[in-house]
Protein backbone atom coordinates (compact mmCIF):
# COMPACT_ATOMS: atom_id res chain seq x y z
CA MET A 1 -12.01 17.31 12.64
CA ALA A 2 -12.70 13.32 12.48
CA GLU A 3 -15.10 12.46 15.21
CA TYR A 4 -14.30 8.89 17.00
CA PRO A 5 -16.46 6.78 19.78
CA GLN A 6 -15.17 6.79 22.96
CA GLU A 7 -13.91 3.32 22.78
CA TYR A 8 -11.14 4.63 20.38
CA TYR A 9 -9.79 7.17 22.69
CA THR A 10 -9.93 4.46 25.49
CA LYS A 11 -7.94 1.81 23.28
CA SER A 12 -5.55 4.82 22.22
CA LEU A 13 -5.08 5.12 26.19
CA LYS A 14 -4.74 1.60 27.40
CA VAL A 15 -2.09 1.13 24.38
CA LEU A 16 0.00 4.27 25.19
CA GLU A 17 0.17 3.60 28.70
CA ALA A 18 1.05 0.24 28.26
CA ALA A 19 3.61 0.86 25.53
CA LEU A 20 5.23 3.39 28.02
CA SER A 21 5.28 1.32 31.05
CA SER A 22 6.05 -1.90 30.01
CA VAL A 23 7.30 -2.50 26.48
CA PRO A 24 11.19 -2.22 26.04
CA ALA A 25 11.17 -0.23 22.81
CA TYR A 26 9.32 2.71 24.40
CA ARG A 27 11.07 3.16 27.42
CA ASP A 28 13.11 5.92 26.58
CA TRP A 29 10.01 7.90 25.37
CA GLN A 30 8.41 8.06 28.76
CA LYS A 31 10.57 11.96 28.87
CA PHE A 32 8.42 13.05 25.96
CA ASP A 33 5.08 12.59 27.60
CA PRO A 34 3.77 15.62 28.94
CA GLY A 35 1.49 13.89 31.85
CA TYR A 36 -1.31 12.02 32.51
CA ASP A 37 -3.68 14.36 33.25
CA LYS A 38 -3.18 15.81 29.28
CA PRO A 39 -5.96 15.10 26.42
CA ILE A 40 -4.83 11.50 24.65
CA ASP A 41 -4.20 13.59 21.33
CA ILE A 42 -1.84 15.88 23.04
CA ARG A 43 0.19 13.14 24.68
CA TYR A 44 0.63 11.30 21.22
CA ALA A 45 1.34 14.06 19.90
CA ALA A 46 4.17 14.59 22.19
CA MET A 47 6.00 11.32 21.27
CA PRO A 48 8.48 10.37 18.78
CA CYS A 49 7.93 8.18 15.33
CA LEU A 50 8.71 4.44 15.04
CA HIS A 51 10.68 3.77 12.10
CA LYS A 52 11.89 0.43 10.57
CA ALA A 53 15.62 1.20 11.87
CA LYS A 54 14.03 1.18 15.79
CA ILE A 55 12.20 -2.38 14.62
CA ARG A 56 15.47 -3.95 13.64
CA GLU A 57 17.15 -2.69 16.52
CA TYR A 58 14.60 -3.98 19.58
CA PHE A 59 13.14 -6.87 17.26
CA PRO A 60 12.04 -9.22 18.48
CA ASP A 61 11.42 -9.12 22.54
CA GLY A 62 11.50 -5.44 22.53
CA PHE A 63 7.88 -4.76 21.22
CA VAL A 64 6.04 -7.11 23.48
CA PRO A 65 5.04 -6.09 27.18
CA ALA A 66 7.54 -7.46 29.87
CA GLY A 67 6.40 -10.87 30.96
CA LYS A 68 5.68 -12.15 27.62
CA ASP A 69 7.84 -15.08 25.88
CA VAL A 70 8.36 -14.53 22.35
CA ARG A 71 10.03 -17.59 21.61
CA ALA A 72 8.03 -19.64 23.46
CA ALA A 73 5.10 -18.38 21.66
CA LEU A 74 6.67 -18.82 18.45
CA GLU A 75 7.46 -22.77 19.25
CA ARG A 76 4.01 -23.45 20.15
CA GLY A 77 2.76 -21.52 17.16
CA GLU A 78 0.79 -18.78 18.50
CA ILE A 79 2.72 -16.40 16.31
CA SER A 80 5.08 -16.50 13.69
CA THR A 81 7.47 -14.13 11.95
CA ALA A 82 7.39 -11.95 8.66
CA SER A 83 9.77 -10.07 6.35
CA THR A 84 8.64 -6.77 4.93
CA SER A 85 10.59 -6.36 1.21
CA GLY A 86 12.05 -2.69 1.96
CA SER A 87 9.64 -1.19 -0.57
CA SER A 88 8.85 2.01 1.76
CA ASP A 89 11.98 1.92 3.55
CA ILE A 90 14.53 -0.46 4.64
CA PRO A 91 13.48 -4.55 5.06
CA ALA A 92 12.55 -5.84 8.72
CA VAL A 93 11.53 -8.87 9.98
CA ASN A 94 8.23 -8.51 12.21
CA ILE A 95 6.05 -10.68 14.36
CA TRP A 96 3.09 -11.98 12.82
CA ASN A 97 -0.19 -12.81 14.59
CA GLN A 98 -2.13 -14.46 11.79
CA GLU A 99 -5.48 -14.22 14.80
CA TRP A 100 -5.04 -10.83 14.92
CA TRP A 101 -4.55 -9.75 11.45
CA ASP A 102 -7.38 -11.66 10.16
CA ALA A 103 -9.99 -9.71 12.66
CA SER A 104 -8.58 -6.50 11.60
CA GLU A 105 -9.44 -7.45 8.03
CA ARG A 106 -12.71 -8.54 8.78
CA ALA A 107 -13.17 -5.28 10.62
CA SER A 108 -12.22 -3.69 7.32
CA TRP A 109 -15.08 -5.34 5.10
CA LYS A 110 -17.73 -3.33 6.86
CA LEU A 111 -16.36 -0.22 5.28
CA ASN A 112 -17.23 -1.41 1.86
CA SER A 113 -20.90 -2.54 0.60
CA HIS A 114 -19.34 -5.01 -1.69
CA ALA A 115 -16.73 -6.43 0.33
CA PHE A 116 -19.21 -6.83 3.38
CA ARG A 117 -21.76 -8.56 1.10
CA LEU A 118 -19.67 -11.13 -0.06
CA MET A 119 -16.77 -11.89 2.21
CA THR A 120 -17.53 -14.16 4.78
CA GLY A 121 -14.01 -15.52 5.73
CA THR A 122 -14.64 -19.22 4.28
CA HIS A 123 -15.19 -17.55 0.99
CA PRO A 124 -12.97 -18.60 -1.88
CA GLU A 125 -10.20 -16.22 -2.73
CA ALA A 126 -7.54 -15.78 -5.69
CA ILE A 127 -4.47 -13.97 -5.20
CA LEU A 128 -2.59 -12.29 -8.13
CA ALA A 129 0.89 -11.07 -6.54
CA ASN A 130 4.13 -11.30 -6.96
CA PRO A 131 5.18 -14.38 -4.73
CA LEU A 132 7.96 -12.37 -3.05
CA ASN A 133 5.09 -10.30 -1.33
CA VAL A 134 2.96 -13.40 -0.69
CA GLY A 135 2.82 -16.87 -2.11
CA ILE A 136 5.30 -19.67 -3.13
CA VAL A 137 8.10 -18.59 -5.39
CA SER A 138 9.16 -20.55 -8.03
CA ASP A 139 11.01 -19.40 -10.97
CA ASN A 140 12.44 -22.08 -12.81
CA THR A 141 9.73 -25.00 -12.42
CA GLU A 142 5.94 -24.56 -12.74
CA LEU A 143 3.94 -25.61 -9.58
CA PRO A 144 0.83 -27.43 -10.45
CA MET A 145 -2.22 -25.81 -8.87
CA GLU A 146 -2.74 -28.10 -5.91
CA GLN A 147 0.64 -26.96 -5.08
CA ARG A 148 -0.49 -23.28 -4.98
CA ARG A 149 -3.54 -24.02 -2.42
CA LEU A 150 -4.03 -22.98 0.95
CA ASP A 151 -7.49 -23.68 2.82
CA ARG A 152 -9.64 -21.43 0.49
CA PHE A 153 -7.03 -19.46 -1.10
CA LEU A 154 -5.39 -19.84 -4.67
CA TYR A 155 -1.91 -18.41 -5.64
CA LEU A 156 -1.96 -17.74 -9.15
CA ASN A 157 1.14 -17.00 -10.04
CA GLU A 158 4.97 -18.45 -8.50
CA MET A 159 7.25 -16.49 -10.55
CA THR A 160 8.88 -13.21 -9.34
CA ASP A 161 9.53 -11.20 -12.64
CA PRO A 162 6.29 -10.77 -14.42
CA ALA A 163 7.84 -9.40 -17.27
CA GLN A 164 8.78 -13.03 -18.16
CA TRP A 165 5.58 -14.53 -17.97
CA SER A 166 4.78 -16.55 -21.23
CA PRO A 167 1.51 -16.61 -23.07
CA ALA A 168 1.13 -20.15 -21.63
CA HIS A 169 1.68 -18.71 -18.33
CA MET A 170 -1.25 -16.16 -18.98
CA ASP A 171 -3.69 -18.58 -20.17
CA ARG A 172 -2.98 -20.99 -17.13
CA ILE A 173 -3.95 -17.96 -14.67
CA ILE A 174 -7.08 -17.21 -16.95
CA GLU A 175 -8.05 -20.97 -17.11
CA GLU A 176 -7.20 -21.73 -13.33
CA LEU A 177 -9.41 -18.46 -12.38
CA ASP A 178 -12.63 -20.41 -14.38
CA LEU A 179 -11.95 -23.29 -12.49
CA PHE A 180 -11.58 -21.98 -9.17
CA LYS A 181 -14.44 -19.27 -9.80
CA PRO A 182 -13.20 -17.33 -6.68
CA VAL A 183 -15.53 -14.78 -5.14
CA SER A 184 -12.70 -12.31 -4.67
CA LEU A 185 -9.74 -11.88 -6.24
CA GLU A 186 -6.52 -9.64 -4.27
CA ALA A 187 -3.96 -8.67 -6.89
CA ASN A 188 -1.11 -6.39 -7.52
CA PRO A 189 -2.60 -3.87 -9.62
CA SER A 190 0.61 -3.84 -11.91
CA LEU A 191 0.16 -8.09 -12.38
CA LEU A 192 -3.48 -7.90 -13.05
CA ALA A 193 -3.04 -4.89 -16.00
CA ARG A 194 -0.38 -7.23 -17.55
CA LEU A 195 -3.10 -10.03 -17.68
CA SER A 196 -5.90 -7.85 -18.82
CA ARG A 197 -3.69 -6.65 -21.61
CA TYR A 198 -3.25 -10.09 -22.73
CA ALA A 199 -6.60 -10.97 -22.47
CA ALA A 200 -7.75 -7.89 -24.35
CA ALA A 201 -5.12 -8.25 -27.26
CA THR A 202 -6.44 -12.27 -27.43
CA GLY A 203 -9.89 -11.77 -27.11
CA LYS A 204 -9.63 -13.96 -23.80
CA LYS A 205 -12.33 -14.44 -21.63
CA ILE A 206 -12.08 -14.26 -17.90
CA HIS A 207 -14.10 -14.96 -15.03
CA GLN A 208 -15.44 -12.00 -13.10
CA PRO A 209 -14.90 -12.62 -9.45
CA GLY A 210 -17.56 -10.49 -6.91
CA LEU A 211 -14.73 -7.95 -6.23
CA ILE A 212 -11.23 -7.15 -6.99
CA VAL A 213 -9.34 -5.92 -3.93
CA PHE A 214 -5.92 -4.24 -5.02
CA THR A 215 -3.13 -4.46 -2.55
CA TYR A 216 0.62 -4.28 -2.06
CA GLU A 217 0.99 -1.27 -4.83
CA TYR A 218 -0.15 1.91 -5.92
CA PRO A 219 -3.13 1.29 -8.39
CA SER A 220 -2.32 3.76 -11.34
CA ARG A 221 -4.98 5.00 -13.50
CA ILE A 222 -3.31 3.10 -16.15
CA HIS A 223 -4.21 -0.22 -14.32
CA TYR A 224 -7.52 0.96 -13.66
CA ARG A 225 -8.13 1.60 -17.50
CA GLN A 226 -6.30 -1.60 -18.71
CA ILE A 227 -8.18 -3.85 -16.10
CA GLN A 228 -11.52 -2.13 -16.68
CA ARG A 229 -11.08 -3.31 -20.22
CA VAL A 230 -11.63 -7.18 -19.39
CA PHE A 231 -12.92 -7.01 -16.01
CA SER A 232 -16.57 -5.73 -14.80
CA SER A 233 -16.44 -6.44 -11.28
CA PRO A 234 -16.42 -3.67 -8.58
CA THR A 235 -12.74 -2.95 -7.33
CA VAL A 236 -11.81 -1.67 -4.04
CA SER A 237 -8.20 -0.52 -2.76
CA SER A 238 -7.17 -1.90 0.54
CA TYR A 239 -4.64 0.27 2.51
CA GLY A 240 -1.97 -1.25 5.17
CA SER A 241 1.34 -2.67 6.10
CA THR A 242 2.61 -5.57 7.30
CA GLU A 243 3.32 -4.22 10.41
CA THR A 244 -0.55 -2.56 11.22
CA SER A 245 -2.43 -4.46 9.31
CA THR A 246 -5.69 -2.90 7.48
CA VAL A 247 -5.44 1.08 8.20
CA PHE A 248 -7.73 2.15 5.74
CA MET A 249 -10.62 0.40 3.05
CA GLN A 250 -12.11 2.17 0.01
CA CYS A 251 -15.81 2.61 -0.12
CA GLU A 252 -18.18 1.86 -2.73
CA GLU A 253 -18.06 5.79 -3.16
CA GLY A 254 -14.03 6.16 -3.56
CA LYS A 255 -13.30 7.44 -0.31
CA PHE A 256 -11.17 5.77 2.16
CA HIS A 257 -12.51 4.89 5.65
CA HIS A 258 -10.29 4.66 8.87
CA ASN A 259 -10.53 0.96 10.11
CA HIS A 260 -10.70 2.09 13.36
CA GLU A 261 -11.60 -0.76 15.48
CA PHE A 262 -8.12 -1.83 15.22
CA CYS A 263 -5.68 1.19 14.49
CA ARG A 264 -5.05 5.00 15.76
CA VAL A 265 -4.08 7.26 13.20
CA ASP A 266 -1.89 10.62 13.52
CA PHE A 267 -1.95 12.82 10.33
CA GLN A 268 0.98 15.31 10.26
CA PRO A 269 0.12 17.83 7.35
CA PHE A 270 2.48 19.53 4.91
CA LYS A 271 2.91 23.03 4.74
CA PRO A 272 0.81 25.05 2.79
CA GLU A 273 2.99 26.06 0.22
CA PHE A 274 3.48 22.05 -0.22
CA GLY A 275 0.23 20.96 -0.33
CA GLY A 276 -1.21 21.07 3.41
CA PRO A 277 -3.04 21.07 5.04
CA SER A 278 -5.06 18.12 3.30
CA LEU A 279 -1.91 16.48 1.94
CA GLY A 280 0.29 14.57 4.68
CA ARG A 281 1.61 11.80 5.98
CA LEU A 282 0.29 9.19 8.65
CA LEU A 283 1.37 7.37 11.79
CA VAL A 284 -0.40 4.38 13.08
CA THR A 285 -0.52 2.61 16.31
CA THR A 286 -2.28 -0.17 16.47
CA PHE A 287 -5.21 -2.02 18.86
CA GLY A 288 -5.51 -5.25 20.52
CA ASN A 289 -2.51 -7.26 19.55
CA PRO A 290 -0.65 -8.65 22.51
CA TRP A 291 2.31 -9.57 20.63
CA TYR A 292 3.48 -6.49 18.72
CA TYR A 293 3.30 -3.07 19.84
CA MET A 294 3.21 -0.37 17.13
CA LEU A 295 3.45 2.95 18.43
CA ARG A 296 3.15 5.98 16.22
CA PHE A 297 4.70 3.73 13.48
CA ASP A 298 5.50 5.81 10.05
CA ILE A 299 3.79 4.02 7.61
CA ARG A 300 5.57 6.18 5.27
CA ASP A 301 2.75 7.03 3.00
CA LEU A 302 1.36 9.90 1.84
CA VAL A 303 -2.64 10.58 2.25
CA ARG A 304 -5.04 13.46 1.53
CA VAL A 305 -7.76 14.34 4.03
CA ASP A 306 -11.34 14.99 3.40
CA LEU A 307 -11.63 18.11 4.84
CA GLU A 308 -15.57 17.87 4.46
CA GLY A 309 -15.36 14.46 6.84
CA SER A 310 -18.29 13.24 5.51
CA CYS A 311 -18.81 10.66 2.60
CA SER A 312 -22.01 9.76 0.55
CA CYS A 313 -21.93 6.23 1.47
CA GLY A 314 -22.94 7.41 5.02
CA ARG A 315 -19.83 6.07 6.75
CA ASN A 316 -19.07 9.26 8.61
CA SER A 317 -17.22 7.90 11.55
CA GLY A 318 -13.22 8.17 11.85
CA LEU A 319 -11.01 10.19 9.76
CA ILE A 320 -11.90 9.99 5.88
CA LEU A 321 -9.57 10.20 2.59
CA SER A 322 -9.78 11.41 -0.48
CA ALA A 323 -6.95 9.65 -1.76
CA VAL A 324 -3.98 7.89 -0.56
CA GLU A 325 -1.08 10.06 -2.62
CA GLY A 326 1.54 7.02 -2.90
CA ARG A 327 4.72 6.05 -0.74
CA ALA A 328 7.25 8.95 0.48
CA MET A 329 9.75 7.46 -1.30
CA SER A 330 8.11 7.95 -4.49
CA VAL A 331 7.89 11.57 -4.13
CA THR A 332 9.87 13.63 -6.95
CA LEU A 333 10.49 17.02 -6.69
CA THR A 334 10.06 20.23 -9.34
CA VAL A 335 13.30 22.02 -10.46
CA ASP A 336 12.27 24.80 -7.94
CA GLY A 337 12.07 22.29 -5.04
CA ARG A 338 8.39 21.55 -4.58
CA PRO A 339 6.92 18.05 -3.97
CA VAL A 340 5.07 16.07 -6.47
CA THR A 341 3.50 12.85 -4.90
CA LEU A 342 3.06 9.72 -7.01
CA ARG A 343 -0.50 10.57 -7.46
CA ALA A 344 -0.07 14.04 -9.39
CA LEU A 345 2.51 12.42 -11.61
CA ASP A 346 0.44 9.56 -12.34
CA ASP A 347 -2.51 11.82 -12.88
CA ALA A 348 -0.14 13.16 -15.31
CA VAL A 349 1.04 10.25 -17.14
CA SER A 350 -2.19 8.43 -17.27
CA SER A 351 -3.60 11.25 -19.43
CA ILE A 352 -1.86 9.81 -22.15
CA GLU A 353 -3.63 7.12 -23.67
CA ASP A 354 -1.24 4.75 -25.13
CA ILE A 355 1.38 4.52 -22.27
CA GLU A 356 1.33 0.66 -21.02
CA GLU A 357 3.66 1.03 -18.11
CA TYR A 358 6.19 3.68 -16.90
CA ARG A 359 8.60 4.21 -14.21
CA LEU A 360 10.08 7.82 -13.97
CA GLU A 361 13.46 8.30 -12.07
CA GLN A 362 14.83 11.63 -11.18
CA VAL A 363 18.50 11.34 -11.32
CA THR A 364 19.47 14.98 -9.88
CA ARG A 365 17.54 18.30 -9.07
CA THR A 366 16.92 19.11 -12.86
CA ASP A 367 17.21 15.50 -14.44
CA TYR A 368 14.50 13.20 -15.21
CA THR A 369 14.57 9.64 -16.97
CA ILE A 370 11.04 8.14 -18.03
CA TYR A 371 11.05 4.46 -19.10
CA ILE A 372 8.17 4.01 -21.03
CA SER A 373 6.62 0.60 -22.55
CA SER A 374 3.80 1.40 -25.16
CA GLY A 375 2.28 0.40 -27.98
CA ARG A 376 1.93 3.41 -30.01
CA ALA A 377 3.98 3.06 -33.65
CA ASP A 378 4.60 6.92 -33.43
CA ALA A 379 7.33 7.03 -31.11
CA SER A 380 8.41 10.28 -31.70
CA GLY A 381 5.07 11.99 -31.41
CA LEU A 382 4.93 9.96 -28.01
CA LYS A 383 8.13 11.01 -26.91
CA ALA A 384 7.39 15.00 -27.62
CA ASP A 385 3.87 14.30 -25.56
CA VAL A 386 5.85 13.19 -22.80
CA ILE A 387 8.52 15.95 -22.39
CA GLN A 388 5.87 18.55 -22.99
CA LEU A 389 3.83 16.75 -20.24
CA LEU A 390 6.54 16.52 -17.96
CA HIS A 391 7.88 20.27 -18.34
CA ASN A 392 4.41 21.19 -17.51
CA LEU A 393 4.93 19.54 -14.21
CA TYR A 394 8.12 19.93 -13.12
CA GLY A 395 9.37 22.81 -14.74
CA LYS A 396 10.26 24.23 -18.32
CA GLU A 397 14.39 23.83 -17.06
CA ALA A 398 13.70 20.31 -16.15
CA LYS A 399 15.95 17.96 -18.40
CA VAL A 400 13.95 15.19 -19.65
CA SER A 401 15.36 11.91 -21.22
CA VAL A 402 12.58 9.53 -22.38
CA VAL A 403 13.78 5.46 -23.05
CA PHE A 404 11.28 3.22 -24.78
CA CYS A 405 11.18 -0.26 -23.08
CA ARG A 406 9.36 -3.69 -24.38
CA THR A 407 8.37 -3.93 -20.38
CA LEU A 408 9.23 -3.22 -17.47
CA SER A 409 10.38 -5.67 -14.30
CA PRO A 410 9.58 -4.70 -10.54
CA GLU A 411 12.29 -3.79 -8.06
CA ASP A 412 13.87 -6.39 -5.81
CA SER A 413 10.59 -5.89 -3.42
CA GLY A 414 8.77 -7.50 -5.98
CA LYS A 415 6.85 -4.19 -6.31
CA TYR A 416 6.42 -2.25 -9.51
CA ALA A 417 8.02 1.55 -9.05
CA LEU A 418 6.34 3.77 -10.77
CA ALA A 419 8.39 6.75 -9.27
CA LYS A 420 11.68 6.85 -7.60
CA VAL A 421 14.77 9.49 -6.65
CA HIS A 422 18.23 9.03 -6.66
CA PHE A 423 18.94 11.29 -3.76
CA PRO A 424 17.28 12.06 -0.48
CA ILE A 425 14.32 14.06 0.06
CA ASP A 426 13.87 15.00 3.54
CA ILE A 427 9.92 14.47 4.31
CA ASN A 428 10.33 16.45 7.57
CA SER A 429 11.22 19.12 6.16
CA LEU A 430 7.81 19.49 4.28
CA LEU A 431 5.19 19.30 7.67
CA ALA A 432 3.67 21.65 9.07
């Protein structure tokens, strides 16, 4: 059981009561409240989940307390709006409070010794991301470096399909890293892996930032392997969302620690036959954002709780995760209906050294197609290895097709999908 300071429960109570009493989107949740005399955890457990469909229905006024004027705040620049890509559910527009976001991010740096030592809030930071996620989109015209600078940030890429990167574009990224010399590099792991493959193949030397922060996507073990061929920098995975800011930060020992100054998390375990009690999903409630009340938001990710509840880094307050298991929408099923998380799939596929990129698509309950980019000359041998691996993972009755590609492109969201299903899976049916 996670242990929290009293302040955590005080904030939990304050947010719940404010939301139920004065935030329009939650007024119909009052009937679920078992009463003020019940423990706060019991009251939260009785509440429904917030999904993006409800955000779309009530946005924008439905998520601020009565008396606050969203439009006036937008006009004076106190808040703005931000769209999500729809990578984990459906796209939605959110209220963006930059001051609150920055404060949450700063608090998360304390959960990793490298981040705490290097990040000041004024440090130069380079961002290698799909501009659909963050940055400036320009597919037809290359933007000069000064047009991609914003305060202390340098956006290294303006193209929405990294599969179309030319050698000249990647040379420019490498040169700008050397010129800018960022203290930290925030990156889509798939994009940094693509750049790393190019640098390794051409013998290019790359500036080594003090810290590489993975965000926006699930970092595959294949990504780590490729990146570590050219980068010796420590890496950390930051976990959160547009709606919630940073929820967990990976420490230097590899576990994930709850940023509990800025959010509450409620963990819902799976049934034992599906991986529980350590595997389950997260619901997130934000603290301290006066312009956007997120209450038990289904962040649509699966995690594995560290049942020991302690870490050798010494940070033992709050919930500790041994792993983030990937998006709920990336869950696939064995032929007999057992869930396979993205992490379980990736652990298996990444055991084959010669795979550079992959995407598994489950077309039916028994049909699987895996798209692979590989440098291995013996395609027939690789195909046989992959089919055997997926039979071991999904069952001997699995019908596996292997499609070789020169390269893979991201989804419409701008993020790479390592796994997807072509039919709905009811995650609620897996919960204990």
